[in-house]
């Protein structure tokens, strides 16, 4: 049995975030990670050029090979990134943002800017709560 949100999303109609079965929730989980944001930003900075896997990893501090692979696989599956493999030994794998991925970069850029501008305020709020807990 399908829900209203899942049926709407399947038809290309806007989903409903508040419907527990709407795929919008799963999509937000996938695109809301730090690794997705970093990968999309890195690929957007290179656009329209392609970036090899090893170069992406070098440009993304602290990402493991496995996490980058999982992130790129998810972005490719969602149609946000295109993947091209040159059949060499070892294979050379290249990635680039699709038009849909470039549209996501615009949205993520706003979120990154907000986070960078408000991080000190968020830190102060966390410290205040931690101090209240310690005193309480």
C-alpha atoms as a PDB file:
ATOM      1  CA  UNK A   1       0.000   0.000   0.000  1.00  0.00           C
ATOM      2  CA  UNK A   2       1.422   3.399  -0.931  1.00  0.00           C
ATOM      3  CA  UNK A   3       0.920   6.617   0.933  1.00  0.00           C
ATOM      4  CA  UNK A   4      -0.198   9.953  -0.407  1.00  0.00           C
ATOM      5  CA  UNK A   5       3.331  11.390  -0.120  1.00  0.00           C
ATOM      6  CA  UNK A   6       5.006   8.438  -1.835  1.00  0.00           C
ATOM      7  CA  UNK A   7       2.394   8.444  -4.632  1.00  0.00           C
ATOM      8  CA  UNK A   8       2.818  12.182  -5.172  1.00  0.00           C
ATOM      9  CA  UNK A   9       6.610  11.936  -5.301  1.00  0.00           C
ATOM     10  CA  UNK A  10       6.366   9.038  -7.766  1.00  0.00           C
ATOM     11  CA  UNK A  11       4.275  11.194 -10.104  1.00  0.00           C
ATOM     12  CA  UNK A  12       6.758  14.052  -9.994  1.00  0.00           C
ATOM     13  CA  UNK A  13       4.495  16.104  -7.754  1.00  0.00           C
ATOM     14  CA  UNK A  14       5.957  17.884  -4.771  1.00  0.00           C
ATOM     15  CA  UNK A  15       6.306  15.559  -1.759  1.00  0.00           C
ATOM     16  CA  UNK A  16       5.165  16.165   1.811  1.00  0.00           C
ATOM     17  CA  UNK A  17       7.970  16.299   4.378  1.00  0.00           C
ATOM     18  CA  UNK A  18       5.499  15.723   7.196  1.00  0.00           C
ATOM     19  CA  UNK A  19       4.213  12.459   5.700  1.00  0.00           C
ATOM     20  CA  UNK A  20       6.305   9.755   7.443  1.00  0.00           C
ATOM     21  CA  UNK A  21       6.382   7.643   4.270  1.00  0.00           C
ATOM     22  CA  UNK A  22       7.276  10.421   1.851  1.00  0.00           C
ATOM     23  CA  UNK A  23      10.603   9.855   0.056  1.00  0.00           C
ATOM     24  CA  UNK A  24      11.459  13.521   0.661  1.00  0.00           C
ATOM     25  CA  UNK A  25      12.630  12.522   4.132  1.00  0.00           C
ATOM     26  CA  UNK A  26      15.099   9.980   2.791  1.00  0.00           C
ATOM     27  CA  UNK A  27      16.351  12.459   0.186  1.00  0.00           C
ATOM     28  CA  UNK A  28      16.974  15.096   2.849  1.00  0.00           C
ATOM     29  CA  UNK A  29      18.869  12.509   4.896  1.00  0.00           C
ATOM     30  CA  UNK A  30      21.122  11.817   1.897  1.00  0.00           C
ATOM     31  CA  UNK A  31      21.795  15.396   0.818  1.00  0.00           C
ATOM     32  CA  UNK A  32      22.056  16.800   4.343  1.00  0.00           C
ATOM     33  CA  UNK A  33      25.383  15.200   5.243  1.00  0.00           C
ATOM     34  CA  UNK A  34      28.676  17.055   5.538  1.00  0.00           C
ATOM     35  CA  UNK A  35      30.272  14.735   2.987  1.00  0.00           C
ATOM     36  CA  UNK A  36      27.547  15.413   0.433  1.00  0.00           C
ATOM     37  CA  UNK A  37      27.919  19.150   0.959  1.00  0.00           C
ATOM     38  CA  UNK A  38      31.699  18.943   0.584  1.00  0.00           C
ATOM     39  CA  UNK A  39      31.543  16.699  -2.493  1.00  0.00           C
ATOM     40  CA  UNK A  40      28.973  18.897  -4.219  1.00  0.00           C
ATOM     41  CA  UNK A  41      31.002  22.042  -3.404  1.00  0.00           C
ATOM     42  CA  UNK A  42      34.218  20.474  -4.655  1.00  0.00           C
ATOM     43  CA  UNK A  43      32.590  19.328  -7.900  1.00  0.00           C
ATOM     44  CA  UNK A  44      30.861  22.708  -8.344  1.00  0.00           C
ATOM     45  CA  UNK A  45      34.210  24.492  -7.984  1.00  0.00           C
ATOM     46  CA  UNK A  46      35.566  22.330 -10.815  1.00  0.00           C
ATOM     47  CA  UNK A  47      32.477  22.602 -13.052  1.00  0.00           C
ATOM     48  CA  UNK A  48      32.146  22.060 -15.897  1.00  0.00           C
ATOM     49  CA  UNK A  49      35.301  19.943 -15.653  1.00  0.00           C
ATOM     50  CA  UNK A  50      35.437  16.428 -14.281  1.00  0.00           C
ATOM     51  CA  UNK A  51      37.331  15.475 -11.135  1.00  0.00           C
ATOM     52  CA  UNK A  52      39.012  12.137 -10.531  1.00  0.00           C
ATOM     53  CA  UNK A  53      38.162  10.172  -7.399  1.00  0.00           C
ATOM     54  CA  UNK A  54      41.662  10.556  -5.945  1.00  0.00           C
ATOM     55  CA  UNK A  55      41.585  14.320  -6.483  1.00  0.00           C
ATOM     56  CA  UNK A  56      38.177  14.590  -4.799  1.00  0.00           C
ATOM     57  CA  UNK A  57      39.565  12.718  -1.820  1.00  0.00           C
ATOM     58  CA  UNK A  58      42.573  15.048  -1.629  1.00  0.00           C
ATOM     59  CA  UNK A  59      40.288  18.095  -1.688  1.00  0.00           C
ATOM     60  CA  UNK A  60      38.006  16.763   1.068  1.00  0.00           C
ATOM     61  CA  UNK A  61      39.955  16.669   4.338  1.00  0.00           C
ATOM     62  CA  UNK A  62      39.299  13.690   6.606  1.00  0.00           C
ATOM     63  CA  UNK A  63      36.961  11.805   4.249  1.00  0.00           C
ATOM     64  CA  UNK A  64      37.736   8.096   4.069  1.00  0.00           C
ATOM     65  CA  UNK A  65      37.876   6.285   0.751  1.00  0.00           C
ATOM     66  CA  UNK A  66      34.817   4.260   1.755  1.00  0.00           C
ATOM     67  CA  UNK A  67      32.756   7.298   2.836  1.00  0.00           C
ATOM     68  CA  UNK A  68      33.611   9.182  -0.355  1.00  0.00           C
ATOM     69  CA  UNK A  69      32.698   6.133  -2.421  1.00  0.00           C
ATOM     70  CA  UNK A  70      29.346   5.753  -0.623  1.00  0.00           C
ATOM     71  CA  UNK A  71      28.620   9.476  -0.995  1.00  0.00           C
ATOM     72  CA  UNK A  72      29.435   9.537  -4.708  1.00  0.00           C
ATOM     73  CA  UNK A  73      27.420   6.372  -5.317  1.00  0.00           C
ATOM     74  CA  UNK A  74      24.390   7.972  -3.661  1.00  0.00           C
ATOM     75  CA  UNK A  75      24.808  11.244  -5.573  1.00  0.00           C
ATOM     76  CA  UNK A  76      25.169   9.338  -8.841  1.00  0.00           C
ATOM     77  CA  UNK A  77      22.109   7.198  -8.126  1.00  0.00           C
ATOM     78  CA  UNK A  78      20.080  10.345  -7.416  1.00  0.00           C
ATOM     79  CA  UNK A  79      21.147  11.899 -10.729  1.00  0.00           C
ATOM     80  CA  UNK A  80      23.131  14.700  -9.072  1.00  0.00           C
ATOM     81  CA  UNK A  81      26.543  13.496 -10.257  1.00  0.00           C
ATOM     82  CA  UNK A  82      27.630  11.781 -13.442  1.00  0.00           C
ATOM     83  CA  UNK A  83      30.352   9.140 -13.363  1.00  0.00           C
ATOM     84  CA  UNK A  84      32.669   8.205 -16.218  1.00  0.00           C
ATOM     85  CA  UNK A  85      35.105   5.297 -16.149  1.00  0.00           C
ATOM     86  CA  UNK A  86      38.084   4.972 -18.460  1.00  0.00           C
ATOM     87  CA  UNK A  87      38.849   1.272 -18.938  1.00  0.00           C
ATOM     88  CA  UNK A  88      42.512   1.452 -17.994  1.00  0.00           C
ATOM     89  CA  UNK A  89      44.407  -0.597 -15.442  1.00  0.00           C
ATOM     90  CA  UNK A  90      43.624   0.561 -12.854  1.00  0.00           C
ATOM     91  CA  UNK A  91      40.404   2.200 -14.069  1.00  0.00           C
ATOM     92  CA  UNK A  92      40.322   5.988 -14.061  1.00  0.00           C
ATOM     93  CA  UNK A  93      37.029   7.248 -12.625  1.00  0.00           C
ATOM     94  CA  UNK A  94      35.804  10.795 -13.180  1.00  0.00           C
ATOM     95  CA  UNK A  95      32.893  12.688 -11.612  1.00  0.00           C
ATOM     96  CA  UNK A  96      31.048  15.898 -12.424  1.00  0.00           C
ATOM     97  CA  UNK A  97      27.852  17.560 -11.297  1.00  0.00           C
ATOM     98  CA  UNK A  98      24.790  17.249 -13.497  1.00  0.00           C
ATOM     99  CA  UNK A  99      22.467  20.211 -14.034  1.00  0.00           C
ATOM    100  CA  UNK A 100      20.396  18.882 -11.144  1.00  0.00           C
ATOM    101  CA  UNK A 101      23.519  18.698  -8.986  1.00  0.00           C
ATOM    102  CA  UNK A 102      24.416  22.282  -9.849  1.00  0.00           C
ATOM    103  CA  UNK A 103      20.955  23.351  -8.698  1.00  0.00           C
ATOM    104  CA  UNK A 104      21.575  21.569  -5.375  1.00  0.00           C
ATOM    105  CA  UNK A 105      24.886  23.421  -5.002  1.00  0.00           C
ATOM    106  CA  UNK A 106      23.019  26.737  -4.992  1.00  0.00           C
ATOM    107  CA  UNK A 107      20.838  25.577  -2.099  1.00  0.00           C
ATOM    108  CA  UNK A 108      23.730  24.031  -0.155  1.00  0.00           C
ATOM    109  CA  UNK A 109      25.831  27.188  -0.615  1.00  0.00           C
ATOM    110  CA  UNK A 110      23.215  29.182   1.269  1.00  0.00           C
ATOM    111  CA  UNK A 111      23.163  26.642   4.076  1.00  0.00           C
ATOM    112  CA  UNK A 112      26.981  26.552   4.291  1.00  0.00           C
ATOM    113  CA  UNK A 113      27.115  30.350   4.404  1.00  0.00           C
ATOM    114  CA  UNK A 114      24.527  30.444   7.167  1.00  0.00           C
ATOM    115  CA  UNK A 115      26.431  27.830   9.196  1.00  0.00           C
ATOM    116  CA  UNK A 116      29.761  29.619   8.775  1.00  0.00           C
ATOM    117  CA  UNK A 117      28.261  33.009   9.730  1.00  0.00           C
ATOM    118  CA  UNK A 118      26.412  31.692  12.787  1.00  0.00           C
ATOM    119  CA  UNK A 119      28.816  29.051  14.122  1.00  0.00           C
ATOM    120  CA  UNK A 120      30.166  31.314  16.891  1.00  0.00           C
ATOM    121  CA  UNK A 121      26.623  32.080  18.059  1.00  0.00           C
ATOM    122  CA  UNK A 122      25.746  28.390  18.038  1.00  0.00           C
ATOM    123  CA  UNK A 123      28.911  27.602  20.005  1.00  0.00           C
ATOM    124  CA  UNK A 124      27.978  30.221  22.622  1.00  0.00           C
ATOM    125  CA  UNK A 125      24.479  28.735  22.950  1.00  0.00           C
ATOM    126  CA  UNK A 126      25.961  25.246  23.405  1.00  0.00           C
ATOM    127  CA  UNK A 127      28.405  26.506  26.013  1.00  0.00           C
ATOM    128  CA  UNK A 128      25.577  28.235  27.919  1.00  0.00           C
ATOM    129  CA  UNK A 129      23.508  25.050  28.013  1.00  0.00           C
ATOM    130  CA  UNK A 130      26.543  22.978  29.024  1.00  0.00           C
ATOM    131  CA  UNK A 131      27.272  25.435  31.831  1.00  0.00           C
ATOM    132  CA  UNK A 132      23.660  25.246  33.064  1.00  0.00           C
ATOM    133  CA  UNK A 133      23.873  21.433  33.086  1.00  0.00           C
ATOM    134  CA  UNK A 134      27.177  21.525  34.987  1.00  0.00           C
ATOM    135  CA  UNK A 135      25.738  23.958  37.554  1.00  0.00           C
ATOM    136  CA  UNK A 136      22.373  22.197  37.825  1.00  0.00           C
END
